Amino acid sequence: VAVTDGFTGNAVLKAIEGTASAIV
């Protein structure tokens, strides 16, 4: 469980999803 505030969490989520999509 990775805990953070909503602003940071949304940025982390989009960075992970964007990176995964870009690598593929």
PDB file of all heavy atoms in Angstrom:
ATOM      1  N   VAL A   1       0.858  -1.174   0.000  1.00  0.00           N
ATOM      2  CA  VAL A   1       0.000   0.000   0.000  1.00  0.00           C
ATOM      3  C   VAL A   1       0.898   1.228   0.000  1.00  0.00           C
ATOM      4  O   VAL A   1       1.684   1.427   0.933  1.00  0.00           O
ATOM      5  CB  VAL A   1      -0.928   0.045   1.235  1.00  0.00           C
ATOM      6  CG1 VAL A   1      -1.834   1.271   1.174  1.00  0.00           C
ATOM      7  CG2 VAL A   1      -1.745  -1.233   1.353  1.00  0.00           C
ATOM      8  N   ALA A   2       0.829   2.024  -1.051  1.00  0.00           N
ATOM      9  CA  ALA A   2       1.630   3.244  -1.150  1.00  0.00           C
ATOM     10  C   ALA A   2       0.724   4.427  -0.854  1.00  0.00           C
ATOM     11  O   ALA A   2      -0.223   4.694  -1.596  1.00  0.00           O
ATOM     12  CB  ALA A   2       2.244   3.373  -2.542  1.00  0.00           C
ATOM     13  N   VAL A   3       1.002   5.137   0.226  1.00  0.00           N
ATOM     14  CA  VAL A   3       0.143   6.220   0.692  1.00  0.00           C
ATOM     15  C   VAL A   3       0.736   7.570   0.305  1.00  0.00           C
ATOM     16  O   VAL A   3       1.957   7.788   0.423  1.00  0.00           O
ATOM     17  CB  VAL A   3      -0.029   6.157   2.224  1.00  0.00           C
ATOM     18  CG1 VAL A   3      -0.845   7.343   2.739  1.00  0.00           C
ATOM     19  CG2 VAL A   3      -0.701   4.853   2.620  1.00  0.00           C
ATOM     20  N   THR A   4      -0.130   8.483  -0.136  1.00  0.00           N
ATOM     21  CA  THR A   4       0.308   9.831  -0.458  1.00  0.00           C
ATOM     22  C   THR A   4      -0.909  10.744  -0.522  1.00  0.00           C
ATOM     23  O   THR A   4      -2.050  10.289  -0.388  1.00  0.00           O
ATOM     24  CB  THR A   4       1.081   9.864  -1.789  1.00  0.00           C
ATOM     25  OG1 THR A   4       1.625  11.167  -2.003  1.00  0.00           O
ATOM     26  CG2 THR A   4       0.179   9.503  -2.959  1.00  0.00           C
ATOM     27  N   ASP A   5      -0.673  12.036  -0.705  1.00  0.00           N
ATOM     28  CA  ASP A   5      -1.782  12.965  -0.904  1.00  0.00           C
ATOM     29  C   ASP A   5      -2.311  12.810  -2.324  1.00  0.00           C
ATOM     30  O   ASP A   5      -1.631  12.282  -3.205  1.00  0.00           O
ATOM     31  CB  ASP A   5      -1.308  14.399  -0.660  1.00  0.00           C
ATOM     32  CG  ASP A   5      -0.237  14.828  -1.636  1.00  0.00           C
ATOM     33  OD1 ASP A   5       0.951  14.487  -1.410  1.00  0.00           O
ATOM     34  OD2 ASP A   5      -0.564  15.478  -2.641  1.00  0.00           O
ATOM     35  N   GLY A   6      -3.546  13.279  -2.547  1.00  0.00           N
ATOM     36  CA  GLY A   6      -4.196  13.060  -3.835  1.00  0.00           C
ATOM     37  C   GLY A   6      -3.510  13.720  -5.013  1.00  0.00           C
ATOM     38  O   GLY A   6      -3.494  13.173  -6.114  1.00  0.00           O
ATOM     39  N   PHE A   7      -2.924  14.898  -4.806  1.00  0.00           N
ATOM     40  CA  PHE A   7      -2.236  15.590  -5.895  1.00  0.00           C
ATOM     41  C   PHE A   7      -1.024  14.784  -6.350  1.00  0.00           C
ATOM     42  O   PHE A   7      -0.835  14.513  -7.537  1.00  0.00           O
ATOM     43  CB  PHE A   7      -1.811  16.991  -5.435  1.00  0.00           C
ATOM     44  CG  PHE A   7      -1.113  17.786  -6.502  1.00  0.00           C
ATOM     45  CD1 PHE A   7      -1.837  18.523  -7.425  1.00  0.00           C
ATOM     46  CD2 PHE A   7       0.270  17.782  -6.588  1.00  0.00           C
ATOM     47  CE1 PHE A   7      -1.189  19.250  -8.424  1.00  0.00           C
ATOM     48  CE2 PHE A   7       0.929  18.502  -7.580  1.00  0.00           C
ATOM     49  CZ  PHE A   7       0.194  19.238  -8.503  1.00  0.00           C
ATOM     50  N   THR A   8      -0.195  14.382  -5.377  1.00  0.00           N
ATOM     51  CA  THR A   8       0.996  13.592  -5.699  1.00  0.00           C
ATOM     52  C   THR A   8       0.615  12.241  -6.280  1.00  0.00           C
ATOM     53  O   THR A   8       1.206  11.773  -7.256  1.00  0.00           O
ATOM     54  CB  THR A   8       1.867  13.395  -4.453  1.00  0.00           C
ATOM     55  OG1 THR A   8       2.220  14.668  -3.914  1.00  0.00           O
ATOM     56  CG2 THR A   8       3.124  12.605  -4.767  1.00  0.00           C
ATOM     57  N   GLY A   9      -0.397  11.613  -5.679  1.00  0.00           N
ATOM     58  CA  GLY A   9      -0.809  10.289  -6.132  1.00  0.00           C
ATOM     59  C   GLY A   9      -1.288  10.287  -7.569  1.00  0.00           C
ATOM     60  O   GLY A   9      -0.981   9.371  -8.337  1.00  0.00           O
ATOM     61  N   ASN A  10      -2.025  11.322  -7.954  1.00  0.00           N
ATOM     62  CA  ASN A  10      -2.504  11.399  -9.325  1.00  0.00           C
ATOM     63  C   ASN A  10      -1.349  11.574 -10.298  1.00  0.00           C
ATOM     64  O   ASN A  10      -1.330  10.984 -11.387  1.00  0.00           O
ATOM     65  CB  ASN A  10      -3.509  12.545  -9.468  1.00  0.00           C
ATOM     66  CG  ASN A  10      -4.220  12.522 -10.805  1.00  0.00           C
ATOM     67  OD1 ASN A  10      -3.914  13.300 -11.699  1.00  0.00           O
ATOM     68  ND2 ASN A  10      -5.172  11.613 -10.949  1.00  0.00           N
ATOM     69  N   ALA A  11      -0.352  12.380  -9.897  1.00  0.00           N
ATOM     70  CA  ALA A  11       0.829  12.575 -10.748  1.00  0.00           C
ATOM     71  C   ALA A  11       1.610  11.280 -10.889  1.00  0.00           C
ATOM     72  O   ALA A  11       2.077  10.925 -11.986  1.00  0.00           O
ATOM     73  CB  ALA A  11       1.712  13.679 -10.163  1.00  0.00           C
ATOM     74  N   VAL A  12       1.758  10.537  -9.788  1.00  0.00           N
ATOM     75  CA  VAL A  12       2.469   9.252  -9.823  1.00  0.00           C
ATOM     76  C   VAL A  12       1.732   8.264 -10.719  1.00  0.00           C
ATOM     77  O   VAL A  12       2.337   7.577 -11.547  1.00  0.00           O
ATOM     78  CB  VAL A  12       2.624   8.685  -8.396  1.00  0.00           C
ATOM     79  CG1 VAL A  12       3.102   7.232  -8.437  1.00  0.00           C
ATOM     80  CG2 VAL A  12       3.591   9.523  -7.578  1.00  0.00           C
ATOM     81  N   LEU A  13       0.410   8.196 -10.560  1.00  0.00           N
ATOM     82  CA  LEU A  13      -0.395   7.276 -11.359  1.00  0.00           C
ATOM     83  C   LEU A  13      -0.244   7.552 -12.847  1.00  0.00           C
ATOM     84  O   LEU A  13       0.004   6.641 -13.648  1.00  0.00           O
ATOM     85  CB  LEU A  13      -1.866   7.392 -10.951  1.00  0.00           C
ATOM     86  CG  LEU A  13      -2.871   6.610 -11.799  1.00  0.00           C
ATOM     87  CD1 LEU A  13      -2.634   5.116 -11.673  1.00  0.00           C
ATOM     88  CD2 LEU A  13      -4.300   6.956 -11.389  1.00  0.00           C
ATOM     89  N   LYS A  14      -0.364   8.816 -13.238  1.00  0.00           N
ATOM     90  CA  LYS A  14      -0.285   9.157 -14.657  1.00  0.00           C
ATOM     91  C   LYS A  14       1.118   8.950 -15.212  1.00  0.00           C
ATOM     92  O   LYS A  14       1.284   8.555 -16.379  1.00  0.00           O
ATOM     93  CB  LYS A  14      -0.751  10.595 -14.863  1.00  0.00           C
ATOM     94  CG  LYS A  14      -2.259  10.747 -14.669  1.00  0.00           C
ATOM     95  CD  LYS A  14      -2.736  12.173 -14.796  1.00  0.00           C
ATOM     96  CE  LYS A  14      -4.249  12.254 -14.645  1.00  0.00           C
ATOM     97  NZ  LYS A  14      -4.764  13.634 -14.666  1.00  0.00           N
ATOM     98  N   ALA A  15       2.129   9.178 -14.377  1.00  0.00           N
ATOM     99  CA  ALA A  15       3.504   8.940 -14.823  1.00  0.00           C
ATOM    100  C   ALA A  15       3.742   7.451 -15.067  1.00  0.00           C
ATOM    101  O   ALA A  15       4.365   7.065 -16.069  1.00  0.00           O
ATOM    102  CB  ALA A  15       4.491   9.469 -13.780  1.00  0.00           C
ATOM    103  N   ILE A  16       3.230   6.608 -14.175  1.00  0.00           N
ATOM    104  CA  ILE A  16       3.403   5.161 -14.338  1.00  0.00           C
ATOM    105  C   ILE A  16       2.664   4.665 -15.572  1.00  0.00           C
ATOM    106  O   ILE A  16       3.214   3.924 -16.397  1.00  0.00           O
ATOM    107  CB  ILE A  16       2.907   4.417 -13.081  1.00  0.00           C
ATOM    108  CG1 ILE A  16       3.873   4.648 -11.913  1.00  0.00           C
ATOM    109  CG2 ILE A  16       2.767   2.912 -13.350  1.00  0.00           C
ATOM    110  CD1 ILE A  16       3.403   4.071 -10.592  1.00  0.00           C
ATOM    111  N   GLU A  17       1.402   5.086 -15.722  1.00  0.00           N
ATOM    112  CA  GLU A  17       0.617   4.634 -16.868  1.00  0.00           C
ATOM    113  C   GLU A  17       1.219   5.136 -18.180  1.00  0.00           C
ATOM    114  O   GLU A  17       1.302   4.380 -19.154  1.00  0.00           O
ATOM    115  CB  GLU A  17      -0.824   5.131 -16.729  1.00  0.00           C
ATOM    116  CG  GLU A  17      -1.606   4.457 -15.618  1.00  0.00           C
ATOM    117  CD  GLU A  17      -3.027   4.961 -15.498  1.00  0.00           C
ATOM    118  OE1 GLU A  17      -3.280   6.121 -15.877  1.00  0.00           O
ATOM    119  OE2 GLU A  17      -3.873   4.198 -15.017  1.00  0.00           O
ATOM    120  N   GLY A  18       1.653   6.385 -18.185  1.00  0.00           N
ATOM    121  CA  GLY A  18       2.235   6.945 -19.392  1.00  0.00           C
ATOM    122  C   GLY A  18       3.547   6.273 -19.770  1.00  0.00           C
ATOM    123  O   GLY A  18       3.808   6.002 -20.946  1.00  0.00           O
ATOM    124  N   THR A  19       4.380   5.988 -18.769  1.00  0.00           N
ATOM    125  CA  THR A  19       5.665   5.331 -19.023  1.00  0.00           C
ATOM    126  C   THR A  19       5.468   3.920 -19.557  1.00  0.00           C
ATOM    127  O   THR A  19       6.132   3.495 -20.516  1.00  0.00           O
ATOM    128  CB  THR A  19       6.508   5.295 -17.738  1.00  0.00           C
ATOM    129  OG1 THR A  19       6.728   6.626 -17.280  1.00  0.00           O
ATOM    130  CG2 THR A  19       7.850   4.617 -17.990  1.00  0.00           C
ATOM    131  N   ALA A  20       4.546   3.173 -18.933  1.00  0.00           N
ATOM    132  CA  ALA A  20       4.285   1.801 -19.383  1.00  0.00           C
ATOM    133  C   ALA A  20       3.804   1.795 -20.830  1.00  0.00           C
ATOM    134  O   ALA A  20       4.268   0.995 -21.656  1.00  0.00           O
ATOM    135  CB  ALA A  20       3.244   1.153 -18.477  1.00  0.00           C
ATOM    136  N   SER A  21       2.893   2.705 -21.153  1.00  0.00           N
ATOM    137  CA  SER A  21       2.375   2.782 -22.516  1.00  0.00           C
ATOM    138  C   SER A  21       3.471   3.171 -23.505  1.00  0.00           C
ATOM    139  O   SER A  21       3.563   2.616 -24.607  1.00  0.00           O
ATOM    140  CB  SER A  21       1.236   3.798 -22.564  1.00  0.00           C
ATOM    141  OG  SER A  21       0.762   3.981 -23.872  1.00  0.00           O
ATOM    142  N   ALA A  22       4.329   4.114 -23.098  1.00  0.00           N
ATOM    143  CA  ALA A  22       5.397   4.582 -23.985  1.00  0.00           C
ATOM    144  C   ALA A  22       6.418   3.487 -24.258  1.00  0.00           C
ATOM    145  O   ALA A  22       6.918   3.352 -25.382  1.00  0.00           O
ATOM    146  CB  ALA A  22       6.090   5.794 -23.370  1.00  0.00           C
ATOM    147  N   ILE A  23       6.746   2.686 -23.250  1.00  0.00           N
ATOM    148  CA  ILE A  23       7.734   1.615 -23.425  1.00  0.00           C
ATOM    149  C   ILE A  23       7.213   0.558 -24.397  1.00  0.00           C
ATOM    150  O   ILE A  23       7.943   0.096 -25.287  1.00  0.00           O
ATOM    151  CB  ILE A  23       8.083   0.980 -22.063  1.00  0.00           C
ATOM    152  CG1 ILE A  23       8.929   1.966 -21.240  1.00  0.00           C
ATOM    153  CG2 ILE A  23       8.836  -0.335 -22.252  1.00  0.00           C
ATOM    154  CD1 ILE A  23       9.209   1.499 -19.831  1.00  0.00           C
ATOM    155  N   VAL A  24       5.946   0.180 -24.220  1.00  0.00           N
ATOM    156  CA  VAL A  24       5.360  -0.807 -25.131  1.00  0.00           C
ATOM    157  C   VAL A  24       5.360  -0.269 -26.560  1.00  0.00           C
ATOM    158  O   VAL A  24       5.705  -0.977 -27.516  1.00  0.00           O
ATOM    159  CB  VAL A  24       3.928  -1.167 -24.679  1.00  0.00           C
ATOM    160  CG1 VAL A  24       3.231  -2.011 -25.744  1.00  0.00           C
ATOM    161  CG2 VAL A  24       3.946  -1.908 -23.351  1.00  0.00           C
TER     162      VAL A  24
END
